Protein backbone atom coordinates (compact mmCIF):
# COMPACT_ATOMS: atom_id res chain seq x y z
CA MET A 1 -68.66 -42.44 32.04
CA GLY A 2 -69.77 -44.73 29.17
CA ASP A 3 -68.33 -44.65 25.66
CA LEU A 4 -71.33 -43.48 24.09
CA GLU A 5 -71.77 -40.48 26.32
CA MET A 6 -68.02 -39.71 25.78
CA VAL A 7 -68.70 -39.68 22.14
CA LYS A 8 -71.29 -37.16 22.49
CA TYR A 9 -69.03 -34.63 24.38
CA LEU A 10 -66.54 -35.00 21.55
CA GLU A 11 -69.24 -34.33 18.78
CA ALA A 12 -70.01 -31.12 20.91
CA ALA A 13 -66.30 -30.28 21.04
CA GLU A 14 -66.14 -30.67 17.24
CA CYS A 15 -69.28 -28.59 16.69
CA ILE A 16 -67.48 -25.81 19.15
CA CYS A 17 -64.34 -25.99 16.71
CA LEU A 18 -66.60 -25.48 13.78
CA ALA A 19 -68.24 -22.60 15.45
CA ILE A 20 -64.81 -20.97 16.13
CA SER A 21 -63.68 -21.66 12.49
CA VAL A 22 -66.81 -19.99 11.09
CA CYS A 23 -66.30 -17.06 13.44
CA ASN A 24 -62.70 -16.60 12.14
CA LEU A 25 -64.04 -16.64 8.62
CA ILE A 26 -66.55 -14.16 9.34
CA ALA A 27 -63.94 -11.90 11.21
CA VAL A 28 -61.47 -12.17 8.24
CA GLY A 29 -64.40 -11.59 5.98
CA PHE A 30 -65.24 -8.33 7.67
CA ALA A 31 -61.46 -7.14 7.85
CA MET A 32 -61.28 -7.64 4.16
CA LYS A 33 -64.44 -5.51 3.49
CA LYS A 34 -63.43 -2.78 5.81
CA GLN A 35 -59.80 -2.82 4.60
CA LYS A 36 -58.32 -3.31 8.09
CA SER A 37 -55.18 -4.92 9.03
CA ILE A 38 -54.76 -8.19 10.79
CA ASN A 39 -51.62 -10.04 12.30
CA LYS A 40 -51.44 -12.85 9.69
CA ILE A 41 -49.28 -14.86 11.56
CA MET A 42 -51.51 -15.05 14.46
CA TYR A 43 -54.53 -15.60 12.71
CA PHE A 44 -52.81 -18.41 11.11
CA VAL A 45 -51.73 -20.12 14.26
CA ASN A 46 -55.16 -19.65 15.53
CA ASN A 47 -56.80 -21.19 12.62
CA LEU A 48 -54.32 -23.97 12.54
CA GLY A 49 -54.71 -24.68 16.43
CA ILE A 50 -58.45 -25.17 15.83
CA VAL A 51 -57.87 -27.59 12.76
CA VAL A 52 -55.37 -29.63 14.95
CA LEU A 53 -57.93 -29.77 17.80
CA SER A 54 -60.41 -30.84 15.27
CA ASN A 55 -58.26 -33.67 13.91
CA LEU A 56 -57.48 -34.74 17.55
CA ILE A 57 -61.10 -35.08 18.58
CA VAL A 58 -61.65 -37.23 15.49
CA TRP A 59 -58.82 -39.60 16.37
CA THR A 60 -59.73 -39.70 20.08
CA GLU A 61 -63.45 -40.56 19.26
CA GLY A 62 -62.21 -43.36 17.13
CA CYS A 63 -60.42 -44.90 20.09
CA TYR A 64 -63.85 -44.76 22.03
CA VAL A 65 -66.02 -46.20 19.19
CA ASP A 66 -63.57 -49.27 18.65
CA GLU A 67 -60.42 -50.35 19.90
CA ASN A 68 -58.46 -50.58 16.67
CA ASN A 69 -59.40 -46.97 15.94
CA LEU A 70 -60.79 -47.86 12.57
CA SER A 71 -64.01 -45.81 12.70
CA GLY A 72 -65.67 -43.15 14.16
CA SER A 73 -68.77 -40.87 13.86
CA ALA A 74 -69.63 -39.97 10.40
CA ILE A 75 -71.02 -36.43 11.91
CA THR A 76 -67.64 -35.79 13.48
CA PHE A 77 -65.75 -36.73 10.34
CA ILE A 78 -67.96 -34.43 8.08
CA LEU A 79 -67.40 -31.59 10.62
CA ASN A 80 -63.81 -32.09 10.64
CA ILE A 81 -63.94 -31.97 6.81
CA CYS A 82 -65.88 -28.64 7.02
CA ASN A 83 -63.28 -27.32 9.54
CA ILE A 84 -60.40 -28.06 7.01
CA VAL A 85 -62.36 -26.33 4.01
CA PHE A 86 -62.94 -23.25 6.59
CA PHE A 87 -59.42 -23.17 7.32
CA ILE A 88 -58.17 -23.28 3.73
CA VAL A 89 -60.78 -20.59 2.78
CA SER A 90 -60.03 -18.21 5.66
CA CYS A 91 -56.14 -18.48 5.40
CA ILE A 92 -56.49 -17.55 1.66
CA MET A 93 -58.74 -14.67 2.70
CA GLY A 94 -56.47 -13.73 5.41
CA PHE A 95 -53.50 -13.48 3.51
CA LYS A 96 -55.24 -11.03 1.02
CA CYS A 97 -55.86 -8.66 3.84
CA LYS A 98 -53.33 -5.82 4.80
CA LYS A 99 -50.72 -6.69 7.12
CA ALA A 100 -50.60 -5.38 10.56
CA GLU A 101 -47.73 -2.95 11.38
């Protein structure tokens, strides 16, 4: 498999991580609106796992783009920044929800 093809797969994986982050944000938004309780620790761990995976994808893609890992795809980097922003916003919203008993 060529390096360019692998970069495309990593970009697709980054898009999937972003889609999961958006779904988490929507889910916590509905929970806040309907005043439902959520398991805050599990929600935080879920979001943190997605952000860590997103950061690892950016790092791995840098290895395929150049041997010194100094650059990667700009699209993947921007998607990673969006993932981090969604993580921060959804965690703030998540901690405002009622705690599950």
